[in-house]
């Protein structure tokens, strides 16, 4: 058993924090892109044109993965790429008419309380939904969000540590999460949900 294995929990950018070592394992806060798109497609089956708001410097690998996964799932991913916060109003103005939802991911350029609220307000004005990744998005009017249960992630971490000491095996595991739909917003925007089929 290798005593140099590092086990992490609840980290967003694991390799940026720990480095690109081979002997790390645990639970990140990154839901694999293909799983996110599958969950979006299942929960919002009529949502086909998704605009991903991001900065290439921060999330180009995420975008490339999302582009490949979206094609596999019959979705059209439209890049809403910006280099600064100042570009967000213009990119939304140019693209909101051709998308069904704006997908917001952890990205230091496009995420702040004010920006999230601005994007949601502009999207709702044109009857478009926003997809986010925590309860703040839902409270602000997003139609859909991924939520983490940190108690469950703690249990996952304990299981990972236990498996390592018992079996000598340790891998990287996707975090337990739940998808949450803001039913009020979905009905206001007339977005069809899977449960309504």
Protein backbone atom coordinates (compact mmCIF):
# COMPACT_ATOMS: atom_id res chain seq x y z
CA UNK A 1 0.00 0.00 0.00
CA UNK A 2 1.38 3.35 -1.05
CA UNK A 3 1.55 5.67 1.97
CA UNK A 4 1.97 8.70 -0.29
CA UNK A 5 -1.57 8.68 -1.66
CA UNK A 6 -3.36 11.98 -1.10
CA UNK A 7 -7.11 11.79 -0.60
CA UNK A 8 -9.11 14.95 -1.22
CA UNK A 9 -12.71 15.94 -0.68
CA UNK A 10 -14.97 18.73 -1.92
CA UNK A 11 -12.38 20.41 -4.16
CA UNK A 12 -13.49 22.15 -7.33
CA UNK A 13 -10.27 22.34 -9.34
CA UNK A 14 -8.32 19.42 -7.93
CA UNK A 15 -5.34 19.58 -10.29
CA UNK A 16 -4.98 23.34 -9.88
CA UNK A 17 -4.81 22.96 -6.09
CA UNK A 18 -2.94 19.69 -5.64
CA UNK A 19 -1.11 19.48 -8.96
CA UNK A 20 -1.08 16.82 -11.64
CA UNK A 21 0.08 13.99 -9.47
CA UNK A 22 -0.83 10.36 -10.13
CA UNK A 23 -1.24 9.45 -6.47
CA UNK A 24 -4.32 11.53 -5.66
CA UNK A 25 -7.89 10.38 -5.36
CA UNK A 26 -11.16 11.38 -3.75
CA UNK A 27 -14.35 13.32 -4.28
CA UNK A 28 -14.26 16.53 -6.30
CA UNK A 29 -17.03 19.08 -6.71
CA UNK A 30 -16.97 18.59 -10.46
CA UNK A 31 -19.84 16.60 -11.89
CA UNK A 32 -18.60 15.03 -15.14
CA UNK A 33 -19.77 17.08 -18.11
CA UNK A 34 -21.59 14.20 -19.83
CA UNK A 35 -23.56 13.55 -16.63
CA UNK A 36 -24.54 17.21 -16.34
CA UNK A 37 -25.78 17.30 -19.92
CA UNK A 38 -27.67 14.03 -19.48
CA UNK A 39 -29.40 15.43 -16.38
CA UNK A 40 -30.27 18.68 -18.15
CA UNK A 41 -31.64 16.80 -21.15
CA UNK A 42 -33.69 14.46 -18.95
CA UNK A 43 -35.12 17.20 -16.74
CA UNK A 44 -35.76 19.69 -19.56
CA UNK A 45 -36.45 17.48 -22.61
CA UNK A 46 -37.52 20.32 -24.94
CA UNK A 47 -34.38 22.32 -24.17
CA UNK A 48 -32.14 21.68 -27.17
CA UNK A 49 -30.16 24.91 -27.69
CA UNK A 50 -27.99 25.60 -24.67
CA UNK A 51 -25.74 28.65 -24.41
CA UNK A 52 -22.67 28.02 -22.24
CA UNK A 53 -21.47 31.26 -20.61
CA UNK A 54 -17.75 31.01 -19.86
CA UNK A 55 -14.26 32.43 -20.31
CA UNK A 56 -12.02 30.30 -22.52
CA UNK A 57 -9.00 31.04 -20.34
CA UNK A 58 -10.76 29.45 -17.38
CA UNK A 59 -12.89 26.72 -18.93
CA UNK A 60 -11.83 25.82 -22.48
CA UNK A 61 -11.33 22.11 -21.56
CA UNK A 62 -14.84 22.06 -20.02
CA UNK A 63 -16.28 23.58 -23.20
CA UNK A 64 -14.52 21.05 -25.44
CA UNK A 65 -15.87 18.16 -23.33
CA UNK A 66 -19.34 19.73 -23.27
CA UNK A 67 -19.34 20.24 -27.04
CA UNK A 68 -18.54 16.56 -27.66
CA UNK A 69 -21.06 15.34 -25.08
CA UNK A 70 -23.81 17.64 -26.33
CA UNK A 71 -23.54 16.20 -29.84
CA UNK A 72 -23.80 12.67 -28.46
CA UNK A 73 -26.99 13.65 -26.62
CA UNK A 74 -28.64 15.49 -29.49
CA UNK A 75 -28.13 18.93 -27.97
CA UNK A 76 -26.83 22.08 -29.62
CA UNK A 77 -24.22 23.80 -27.43
CA UNK A 78 -23.65 27.44 -28.29
CA UNK A 79 -20.52 29.07 -26.83
CA UNK A 80 -21.17 32.37 -25.06
CA UNK A 81 -17.48 33.06 -24.61
CA UNK A 82 -16.33 36.27 -22.94
CA UNK A 83 -12.97 37.60 -21.83
CA UNK A 84 -14.33 40.01 -19.23
CA UNK A 85 -17.48 40.83 -17.27
CA UNK A 86 -18.03 43.88 -19.48
CA UNK A 87 -18.67 41.64 -22.50
CA UNK A 88 -21.58 39.77 -20.88
CA UNK A 89 -24.41 42.21 -21.80
CA UNK A 90 -23.36 42.22 -25.46
CA UNK A 91 -22.95 38.43 -25.73
CA UNK A 92 -26.39 37.92 -24.17
CA UNK A 93 -28.00 40.50 -26.45
CA UNK A 94 -26.55 38.78 -29.53
CA UNK A 95 -27.47 35.23 -28.49
CA UNK A 96 -30.50 35.03 -26.20
CA UNK A 97 -32.94 34.83 -29.13
CA UNK A 98 -31.32 31.67 -30.48
CA UNK A 99 -31.00 29.64 -27.28
CA UNK A 100 -33.41 27.93 -24.90
CA UNK A 101 -31.32 28.24 -21.73
CA UNK A 102 -28.12 29.86 -20.48
CA UNK A 103 -25.85 27.36 -18.71
CA UNK A 104 -23.66 28.98 -16.04
CA UNK A 105 -20.71 27.05 -14.60
CA UNK A 106 -18.08 27.93 -11.99
CA UNK A 107 -16.00 30.55 -13.78
CA UNK A 108 -14.44 33.52 -12.01
CA UNK A 109 -15.09 35.83 -14.97
CA UNK A 110 -18.84 35.25 -15.24
CA UNK A 111 -19.85 34.35 -11.70
CA UNK A 112 -20.71 36.84 -9.00
CA UNK A 113 -23.95 37.56 -7.20
CA UNK A 114 -24.67 40.59 -9.39
CA UNK A 115 -23.79 38.86 -12.65
CA UNK A 116 -25.92 35.79 -11.86
CA UNK A 117 -28.88 38.01 -11.06
CA UNK A 118 -28.29 40.10 -14.19
CA UNK A 119 -28.08 37.05 -16.48
CA UNK A 120 -31.23 35.56 -14.95
CA UNK A 121 -33.13 38.84 -15.26
CA UNK A 122 -32.15 39.31 -18.91
CA UNK A 123 -32.97 35.69 -19.70
CA UNK A 124 -36.37 35.78 -18.01
CA UNK A 125 -37.22 38.97 -19.87
CA UNK A 126 -36.91 36.99 -23.13
CA UNK A 127 -38.54 33.87 -21.60
CA UNK A 128 -35.30 31.91 -21.47
CA UNK A 129 -34.19 29.71 -18.57
CA UNK A 130 -30.90 29.68 -16.69
CA UNK A 131 -29.10 26.56 -15.49
CA UNK A 132 -26.84 26.92 -12.45
CA UNK A 133 -25.06 24.93 -9.78
CA UNK A 134 -26.28 25.91 -6.31
CA UNK A 135 -29.33 27.09 -4.40
CA UNK A 136 -28.51 30.77 -5.00
CA UNK A 137 -29.32 30.28 -8.68
CA UNK A 138 -32.72 28.81 -7.82
CA UNK A 139 -33.51 31.57 -5.34
CA UNK A 140 -32.55 34.14 -7.98
CA UNK A 141 -34.88 32.64 -10.60
CA UNK A 142 -32.92 29.96 -12.45
CA UNK A 143 -35.05 27.14 -13.83
CA UNK A 144 -32.61 24.34 -12.94
CA UNK A 145 -29.59 23.79 -10.71
CA UNK A 146 -27.25 21.09 -9.52
CA UNK A 147 -27.03 20.94 -5.72
CA UNK A 148 -24.51 19.23 -3.47
CA UNK A 149 -25.32 17.59 -0.17
CA UNK A 150 -22.10 18.04 1.78
CA UNK A 151 -23.08 15.46 4.39
CA UNK A 152 -23.39 12.88 1.60
CA UNK A 153 -20.06 14.00 0.13
CA UNK A 154 -18.52 13.53 3.59
CA UNK A 155 -19.89 9.99 3.69
CA UNK A 156 -18.51 9.39 0.19
CA UNK A 157 -15.12 10.60 1.38
CA UNK A 158 -15.22 8.31 4.42
CA UNK A 159 -16.08 5.37 2.13
CA UNK A 160 -13.18 6.30 -0.16
CA UNK A 161 -10.76 6.36 2.78
CA UNK A 162 -12.18 3.09 4.11
CA UNK A 163 -11.81 1.37 0.72
CA UNK A 164 -8.25 2.57 0.48
CA UNK A 165 -7.24 1.13 3.84
CA UNK A 166 -9.14 -2.13 3.36
CA UNK A 167 -8.58 -2.83 -0.34
CA UNK A 168 -5.64 -0.59 -1.17
CA UNK A 169 -7.73 0.99 -3.94
CA UNK A 170 -8.56 4.63 -4.36
CA UNK A 171 -10.15 6.34 -7.33
CA UNK A 172 -11.70 9.61 -8.33
CA UNK A 173 -15.45 9.52 -7.75
CA UNK A 174 -18.11 11.93 -8.99
CA UNK A 175 -19.81 13.72 -6.10
CA UNK A 176 -23.31 12.84 -5.02
CA UNK A 177 -25.64 15.59 -6.21
CA UNK A 178 -29.27 16.27 -6.86
CA UNK A 179 -30.91 18.15 -9.66
CA UNK A 180 -33.50 20.69 -8.64
CA UNK A 181 -36.09 22.29 -10.90
CA UNK A 182 -37.68 25.62 -10.07
CA UNK A 183 -41.24 24.61 -10.96
CA UNK A 184 -42.61 28.14 -10.67
CA UNK A 185 -40.10 29.48 -13.18
CA UNK A 186 -40.51 26.46 -15.48
CA UNK A 187 -44.26 26.97 -15.62
CA UNK A 188 -43.92 30.73 -16.09
CA UNK A 189 -41.60 30.13 -19.05
CA UNK A 190 -43.75 27.25 -20.33
CA UNK A 191 -40.75 24.90 -20.20
CA UNK A 192 -41.85 21.29 -20.54
CA UNK A 193 -40.54 19.03 -17.80
CA UNK A 194 -39.97 15.30 -17.98
CA UNK A 195 -42.65 14.73 -15.34
CA UNK A 196 -45.25 16.38 -17.56
CA UNK A 197 -44.89 13.98 -20.49
